[in-house]
């Protein structure tokens, strides 16, 4: 008997929802605009209820969501989006309404932890012990998977807010920190600092030299703290593999030969582009649902 899973990639502008079978085939999908929590979650529930009539019960529903999130099962606000800049969504319980509607387990994690888990199972980080996924888009986020399990702790990784040396010619735009990755190289920061979006900046513009320098500093820190076998980089700002190649070169210079590793593990095989398609977010949610991971 075929098993079916629900998958939700919950973003600040849209919720992507899909019914996926155990062979990883997408049976049905839709996109729902992110409006109010009540309206959005109601539409999500309606989509999955509609398809429940034809497939029967769901094994589980996985949600890979924007955050920050409370992922501590013993917490009174477990399953909530906590303090988010998305208007109206702070303090939203994202698990309970869908759990009540679908009557199946709901597994919630960050969108980047979900993406990292998908890359671990089927993408560029396949079966490596420590996989880090970095997205550089509207914001900067990072997910960590260790031995096949997403990393949780006090909260969850907030790699975009690691402090970096930065660059003397630009000013961090983060309202919380000075010189964090998100405030220096996110799509939002790029528009504020350089006066244009990343896709409009010419290839030879000095901005790219500074952006790749900052991201190499981030990779340096991740390499010496987590010792990952893969740092997988994605997101709209890094649409060009040329940028990742430059980040690799600058990270190698930054390390200065310090990081011992097998000869076969050249940095160009450690810092790599995403191995999945545009459905990686949904696959991350599917991976959460299918594996029902526990926290590290």
Foldseek 3Di string as FASTA:
>chain_A
DKAWEWFWEAELFWIKIFIAIPVRDTPDIDIGGDDAPVVRLVVNLVVVVVCCVPPPAHQEFFYAYAAQAACDPVDPQHQAHDDDPRPNRHSDRNQVVNCVSRVHYYFYDHLQQLLQLLCCPPKLNPVFQWEKEWEAEQFIAIWIAGRNFTAADPTHDRLQFDAFPADPLWWFQDPPDTRGNRRHGHQNNCCVTVVDGLVPDDPPDCSLVRNLLSVLRSVLVCCVPVVGLAYEYYYDNPPDVVSQVSNLVNNCVVCVPVDDDDPVSRSDSHYYYIGDDPCSSRSSRVSCTVPVHDHD
